[in-house]
Protein backbone atom coordinates (compact mmCIF):
# COMPACT_ATOMS: atom_id res chain seq x y z
CA MET A 1 12.89 3.75 41.84
CA ILE A 2 11.72 2.57 38.10
CA TYR A 3 9.81 5.81 37.02
CA LYS A 4 9.51 3.82 33.38
CA LYS A 5 9.03 0.27 33.82
CA ARG A 6 9.87 -2.08 30.54
CA GLU A 7 7.43 -3.14 27.95
CA LYS A 8 7.98 -5.61 25.56
CA PRO A 9 9.93 -4.01 22.63
CA TYR A 10 7.51 -2.26 20.01
CA LYS A 11 9.75 -4.13 17.05
CA LEU A 12 9.34 -7.61 19.22
CA LEU A 13 5.90 -7.11 19.25
CA ILE A 14 5.67 -6.19 15.68
CA LEU A 15 7.28 -9.49 14.95
CA ASP A 16 5.71 -11.76 17.37
CA TYR A 17 2.61 -10.92 15.36
CA LEU A 18 3.92 -11.20 12.31
CA LYS A 19 5.62 -14.42 13.20
CA ASN A 20 2.50 -16.52 12.25
CA ARG A 21 0.94 -14.17 9.63
CA ILE A 22 3.93 -14.39 6.90
CA LYS A 23 5.79 -16.32 5.76
CA PHE A 24 9.36 -15.74 7.51
CA SER A 25 12.94 -16.15 5.75
CA GLN A 26 16.09 -17.40 7.60
CA GLU A 27 16.83 -14.03 8.50
CA ASN A 28 13.42 -12.72 9.80
CA TRP A 29 13.74 -16.16 12.20
CA ASN A 30 17.31 -15.36 13.26
CA GLU A 31 16.36 -11.49 13.71
CA TYR A 32 13.63 -12.81 15.89
CA GLN A 33 15.49 -14.76 18.05
CA ASN A 34 17.59 -12.58 18.71
CA GLN A 35 15.44 -9.98 19.79
CA VAL A 36 13.53 -12.69 22.29
CA LYS A 37 16.83 -13.72 23.69
CA GLY A 38 17.91 -9.89 23.56
CA TYR A 39 14.75 -8.91 26.20
CA GLN A 40 13.91 -11.92 28.16
CA ASP A 41 17.59 -13.28 29.00
CA GLY A 42 18.94 -9.54 28.37
CA GLU A 43 16.74 -7.00 29.62
CA CYS A 44 14.25 -8.32 32.28
CA PHE A 45 17.27 -9.98 33.96
CA PHE A 46 19.23 -6.74 34.19
CA ASP A 47 16.13 -5.47 35.33
CA THR A 48 15.45 -7.77 38.53
CA LEU A 49 18.64 -5.71 39.85
CA THR A 50 17.71 -2.08 39.17
CA VAL A 51 13.94 -3.24 40.42
CA THR A 52 15.83 -3.30 44.09
CA LEU A 53 17.41 -0.05 43.81
CA SER A 54 16.42 2.60 46.47
CA ASN A 55 13.68 5.82 45.32
CA ASP A 56 17.04 8.08 45.46
CA CYS A 57 17.25 7.10 41.86
CA LEU A 58 15.04 6.99 39.14
CA VAL A 59 15.49 3.92 36.69
CA LEU A 60 14.20 4.61 32.94
CA ASN A 61 13.65 1.69 30.76
CA ASP A 62 13.69 1.44 26.78
CA LEU A 63 13.95 4.96 26.00
CA PRO A 64 13.84 5.84 21.90
CA LEU A 65 15.08 8.95 21.44
CA ALA A 66 16.20 11.17 18.51
CA ILE A 67 17.85 14.44 17.85
CA GLY A 68 17.69 16.01 14.92
CA SER A 69 16.59 13.45 12.38
CA THR A 70 19.32 10.98 14.49
CA ASP A 71 17.16 7.86 16.28
CA PHE A 72 19.12 6.24 18.92
CA GLN A 73 17.81 3.67 21.62
CA ILE A 74 18.70 3.10 25.37
CA ASP A 75 18.38 0.01 26.92
CA ALA A 76 18.52 1.27 30.78
CA LEU A 77 19.37 4.77 32.31
CA ILE A 78 18.83 5.71 35.77
CA ILE A 79 19.52 9.25 37.25
CA THR A 80 20.89 10.20 40.51
CA ALA A 81 21.65 13.32 42.61
CA GLN A 82 24.95 13.39 40.54
CA GLU A 83 24.97 12.14 37.31
CA ILE A 84 23.08 9.90 34.83
CA LEU A 85 24.34 6.45 34.38
CA LEU A 86 23.71 5.00 30.64
CA TYR A 87 23.58 1.01 30.33
CA GLU A 88 23.69 -1.07 27.11
CA VAL A 89 22.60 -4.17 27.67
CA LYS A 90 23.96 -7.27 25.45
CA ASN A 91 23.39 -10.89 25.88
CA TYR A 92 26.37 -12.57 24.31
CA GLY A 93 27.68 -15.58 24.55
CA GLY A 94 31.40 -16.92 24.19
CA GLU A 95 35.00 -15.61 24.22
CA TYR A 96 35.94 -12.62 22.78
CA THR A 97 38.47 -10.53 22.33
CA TYR A 98 39.03 -6.71 22.00
CA ASN A 99 40.24 -5.36 18.83
CA ASP A 100 40.40 -1.36 17.87
CA GLY A 101 36.49 -1.24 18.24
CA PHE A 102 35.53 -4.51 17.37
CA LEU A 103 34.66 -7.79 19.24
CA VAL A 104 36.30 -10.75 17.88
CA SER A 105 35.33 -14.28 18.58
CA ILE A 106 37.90 -16.37 19.38
CA PRO A 107 36.53 -19.80 18.36
CA SER A 108 35.23 -18.56 14.70
CA GLY A 109 37.62 -15.30 14.20
CA LYS A 110 34.67 -13.17 13.18
CA SER A 111 34.05 -9.65 14.40
CA PHE A 112 31.80 -7.07 14.35
CA HIS A 113 31.52 -3.49 16.17
CA SER A 114 31.99 -3.70 19.73
CA PRO A 115 29.15 -2.38 21.86
CA THR A 116 31.62 0.45 23.45
CA GLU A 117 31.58 1.94 19.79
CA ARG A 118 27.97 2.27 20.64
CA ILE A 119 27.89 3.55 24.13
CA ASN A 120 30.18 6.38 23.50
CA ARG A 121 27.79 7.61 20.75
CA HIS A 122 24.39 7.02 22.55
CA THR A 123 26.22 9.06 25.43
CA SER A 124 27.21 11.81 23.11
CA LEU A 125 23.58 12.71 21.32
CA LEU A 126 21.87 12.45 24.85
CA GLN A 127 24.48 14.94 25.90
CA SER A 128 23.71 16.93 23.06
CA LEU A 129 19.42 16.29 23.81
CA LEU A 130 19.91 17.24 27.38
CA GLU A 131 22.28 20.77 26.26
CA THR A 132 19.14 21.55 23.78
CA HIS A 133 16.47 21.51 26.60
CA GLN A 134 18.89 23.26 29.26
CA MET A 135 18.94 20.52 31.24
CA ASP A 136 22.99 19.48 32.75
CA LEU A 137 23.92 16.26 34.66
CA PRO A 138 27.37 14.42 33.81
CA ILE A 139 26.83 11.08 31.70
CA LYS A 140 28.58 7.77 33.06
CA SER A 141 28.03 4.77 30.66
CA PHE A 142 28.53 0.94 30.70
CA VAL A 143 28.04 -2.17 28.25
CA ALA A 144 26.42 -4.96 30.50
CA PHE A 145 27.09 -8.28 29.23
CA VAL A 146 24.61 -10.06 31.17
CA HIS A 147 25.21 -13.79 29.69
CA PRO A 148 26.16 -16.37 32.29
CA GLU A 149 29.01 -17.56 29.80
CA PHE A 150 30.46 -14.21 28.04
CA MET A 151 33.85 -13.87 28.53
CA LEU A 152 36.20 -10.99 27.65
CA TYR A 153 39.96 -10.62 27.18
CA ASP A 154 42.56 -8.26 26.47
CA VAL A 155 39.75 -5.15 27.15
CA GLU A 156 40.56 -1.51 26.60
CA ASN A 157 37.65 0.98 28.32
CA ILE A 158 37.91 -1.56 30.88
CA GLN A 159 35.56 0.71 33.03
CA LYS A 160 32.55 0.77 30.62
CA ILE A 161 32.40 -3.16 30.30
CA LEU A 162 30.14 -5.00 33.19
CA LEU A 163 30.12 -8.57 33.63
CA ARG A 164 27.64 -10.44 34.74
CA ALA A 165 29.49 -11.57 37.84
CA THR A 166 30.34 -8.18 38.33
CA LEU A 167 26.61 -6.39 37.80
CA PRO A 168 25.50 -7.02 41.84
CA LYS A 169 28.81 -5.10 42.97
CA HIS A 170 28.26 -2.37 40.93
CA PHE A 171 24.79 -1.68 42.15
CA ARG A 172 25.49 -2.09 46.00
CA LYS A 173 28.45 0.32 45.45
CA LEU A 174 26.08 2.33 43.60
CA THR A 175 23.05 2.12 46.21
CA GLY A 176 26.28 3.37 48.99
CA GLN A 177 26.28 6.55 47.05
CA LEU A 178 23.28 7.65 46.88
CA GLU A 179 21.87 10.81 48.11
CA PRO A 180 18.19 12.60 48.05
CA LEU A 181 17.34 13.74 44.71
CA SER A 182 15.24 17.78 43.76
CA GLU A 183 12.65 18.29 41.78
CA LYS A 184 15.15 18.82 38.48
CA HIS A 185 16.01 15.06 38.43
CA PHE A 186 12.26 14.28 38.28
CA LEU A 187 11.62 16.95 35.42
CA LEU A 188 14.04 15.59 33.82
CA ALA A 189 12.59 11.66 33.86
CA LYS A 190 9.29 13.54 32.58
CA THR A 191 11.25 15.02 29.78
CA LEU A 192 13.14 11.98 29.04
CA CYS A 193 10.03 9.96 28.98
CA GLU A 194 7.56 12.50 26.70
CA LEU A 195 10.59 12.50 24.48
CA SER A 196 10.52 9.02 24.58
CA ALA A 197 6.81 8.90 24.16
CA GLN A 198 7.46 11.21 20.73
CA THR A 199 9.85 9.18 19.24
CA LYS A 200 9.41 6.84 16.71
CA PRO A 201 10.10 2.84 16.99
CA TYR A 202 13.24 1.54 16.09
CA LEU A 203 11.86 -0.66 13.18
CA ASN A 204 15.06 -1.80 11.57
CA GLY A 205 14.81 -5.63 10.80
CA ILE A 206 11.11 -5.68 10.18
CA PRO A 207 10.16 -7.50 7.04
CA ASP A 208 7.70 -5.69 4.46
CA TYR A 209 4.06 -7.02 4.78
CA THR A 210 0.95 -5.94 3.68
CA TYR A 211 -2.84 -7.02 4.66
CA GLU A 212 -3.22 -8.83 1.80
CA GLU A 213 -0.49 -11.35 2.42
CA CYS A 214 -1.37 -11.35 6.11
CA LYS A 215 -3.00 -14.99 6.97
CA LYS A 216 -6.60 -13.66 8.90
CA GLY A 217 -7.80 -15.95 11.87
CA ILE A 218 -7.61 -16.13 15.46
CA ILE A 219 -4.84 -17.58 16.80
CA CYS A 220 -4.28 -19.45 20.29
CA LEU A 221 -2.74 -17.94 23.08
CA GLY A 222 -1.53 -21.20 24.39
CA CYS A 223 0.09 -23.04 21.31
CA GLU A 224 -0.25 -20.03 18.73
CA GLN A 225 -1.96 -22.04 16.12
CA PHE A 226 -4.66 -20.76 14.31
CA ILE A 227 -8.43 -21.84 16.02
CA PRO A 228 -10.71 -23.52 12.95
CA GLU A 229 -14.32 -22.36 14.45
CA ILE A 230 -15.87 -21.02 17.32
CA GLU A 231 -19.02 -22.02 19.00
CA LEU A 232 -21.46 -19.94 18.58
CA ASN A 233 -23.11 -18.81 21.82
CA SER A 234 -20.82 -19.84 24.18
CA LYS A 235 -18.29 -17.38 26.04
CA PHE A 236 -15.14 -19.02 26.08
CA CYS A 237 -13.27 -20.47 23.01
CA THR A 238 -11.25 -24.06 23.90
CA CYS A 239 -8.94 -24.65 21.86
CA LYS A 240 -8.72 -28.47 20.42
CA ALA A 241 -4.97 -28.55 19.65
CA CYS A 242 -4.04 -27.86 23.52
CA GLY A 243 -6.90 -27.28 25.39
CA HIS A 244 -5.97 -23.75 26.12
CA LYS A 245 -9.12 -21.33 27.33
CA GLU A 246 -9.82 -17.97 26.58
CA ARG A 247 -13.17 -15.73 27.37
CA ILE A 248 -14.18 -14.58 23.75
CA SER A 249 -13.90 -11.05 24.71
CA THR A 250 -11.19 -11.15 25.78
CA LEU A 251 -9.81 -13.33 22.44
CA ILE A 252 -11.64 -10.41 20.03
CA SER A 253 -9.62 -7.85 22.76
CA ARG A 254 -6.19 -9.19 21.59
CA HIS A 255 -6.70 -9.52 18.18
CA VAL A 256 -8.08 -5.85 17.71
CA LEU A 257 -4.21 -4.86 19.66
CA GLU A 258 -2.86 -6.89 17.22
CA PHE A 259 -4.64 -5.20 13.98
CA LYS A 260 -3.64 -1.68 15.51
CA TYR A 261 -0.19 -2.35 15.90
CA LEU A 262 0.28 -3.88 12.87
CA PHE A 263 -1.90 -1.78 10.68
CA PRO A 264 -1.78 1.69 12.55
CA ASP A 265 -3.43 3.67 9.33
CA LYS A 266 -6.27 1.60 9.00
CA LYS A 267 -9.42 2.31 10.48
CA LEU A 268 -10.66 0.21 13.03
CA THR A 269 -13.82 -0.83 12.41
CA VAL A 270 -16.70 -3.89 12.81
CA PRO A 271 -16.24 -4.96 9.70
CA ALA A 272 -11.96 -4.47 9.36
CA ILE A 273 -11.96 -6.78 13.05
CA TYR A 274 -14.62 -9.41 11.56
CA ASP A 275 -12.42 -9.77 8.30
CA TRP A 276 -8.58 -9.98 10.30
CA CYS A 277 -10.37 -12.86 13.03
CA GLY A 278 -11.38 -14.62 9.89
CA GLY A 279 -15.28 -14.33 10.07
CA LEU A 280 -15.13 -16.41 12.97
CA CYS A 281 -16.46 -13.91 15.64
CA SER A 282 -19.92 -12.30 14.83
CA GLU A 283 -20.32 -9.07 14.02
CA LYS A 284 -22.01 -8.16 17.14
CA ARG A 285 -19.31 -9.73 20.02
CA ILE A 286 -16.58 -7.75 17.83
CA ARG A 287 -18.94 -4.27 18.38
CA SER A 288 -19.44 -5.16 22.12
CA ALA A 289 -15.84 -5.61 23.08
CA LEU A 290 -14.93 -2.36 20.71
CA GLN A 291 -17.56 -0.61 22.67
CA LYS A 292 -16.04 -1.29 26.05
CA GLU A 293 -12.29 0.11 25.08
CA TYR A 294 -12.80 2.39 22.56
CA VAL A 295 -14.69 6.00 21.43
CA LEU A 296 -17.09 5.45 18.45
CA ILE A 297 -16.89 8.12 15.74
CA ASP A 298 -19.79 7.95 14.40
CA ILE A 299 -20.27 8.86 11.04
CA GLY A 300 -22.62 6.28 9.11
CA ARG A 301 -21.49 3.69 7.39
CA ALA A 302 -17.90 4.79 7.38
CA SER A 303 -18.08 4.91 11.45
CA TYR A 304 -15.09 4.00 13.56
CA TYR A 305 -13.35 3.38 16.94
CA VAL A 306 -10.85 5.22 18.64
């Protein structure tokens, strides 16, 4: 059973918003593309397998956690009656060998730290976190390589490696071993979700940016181009570039959310959203949209929404 569904990662959301507002370096674009592929082709594919599991297990996706000053990110975690299964999901393509903690590309010879080292670290950190909260279940960890053209030769710790072709069998075997859960398992899932909600998102790789350097305006949801104008009394906005049509109240709400993600320390006000939208939406329309979804803190000219 999916206890915590996967949402688009916070880091990917920020990069999504920024890519049309600031100038990305080639490194920024590479990071963005890696994030997109990892999420859409990797983690979302993995979810198509776990979503079919029965109610005798709890699936928690995308858990940022911390113990002390050390942060770590869990791609997927499954709580069963007997143990916790921890998964690191990777979408690497190509042929590799394993050599002393590194994956080495056969065509290029380039190497990087094996995800098995990372999953070992995460397992140790999670075990310590559970002990801190007086919870005790054994942890079994796996690295799931989901790319259809990934191949790994001469691998040690083979029991931790799951290739795309072996994943269905892995989950069929797991399904056959599931037993009913008790209250303690649901308490564990609840605690992990609460701890995750309190942990700051992992933001390494996001370029520095300021409000001033961000391009202001309305971005089309269809083609991601800036919209030059909005008809004064129309309830809808139609992009002249691609023809995408969107209700203006929805469009404003989308840009309010973007503003809140990119600038969480700025107060949410009508003038702030008016400026963020490039002056294309009237303050009356913005105020109406904010009143539907947020609460007004009325302190005169310094009023804002939360």
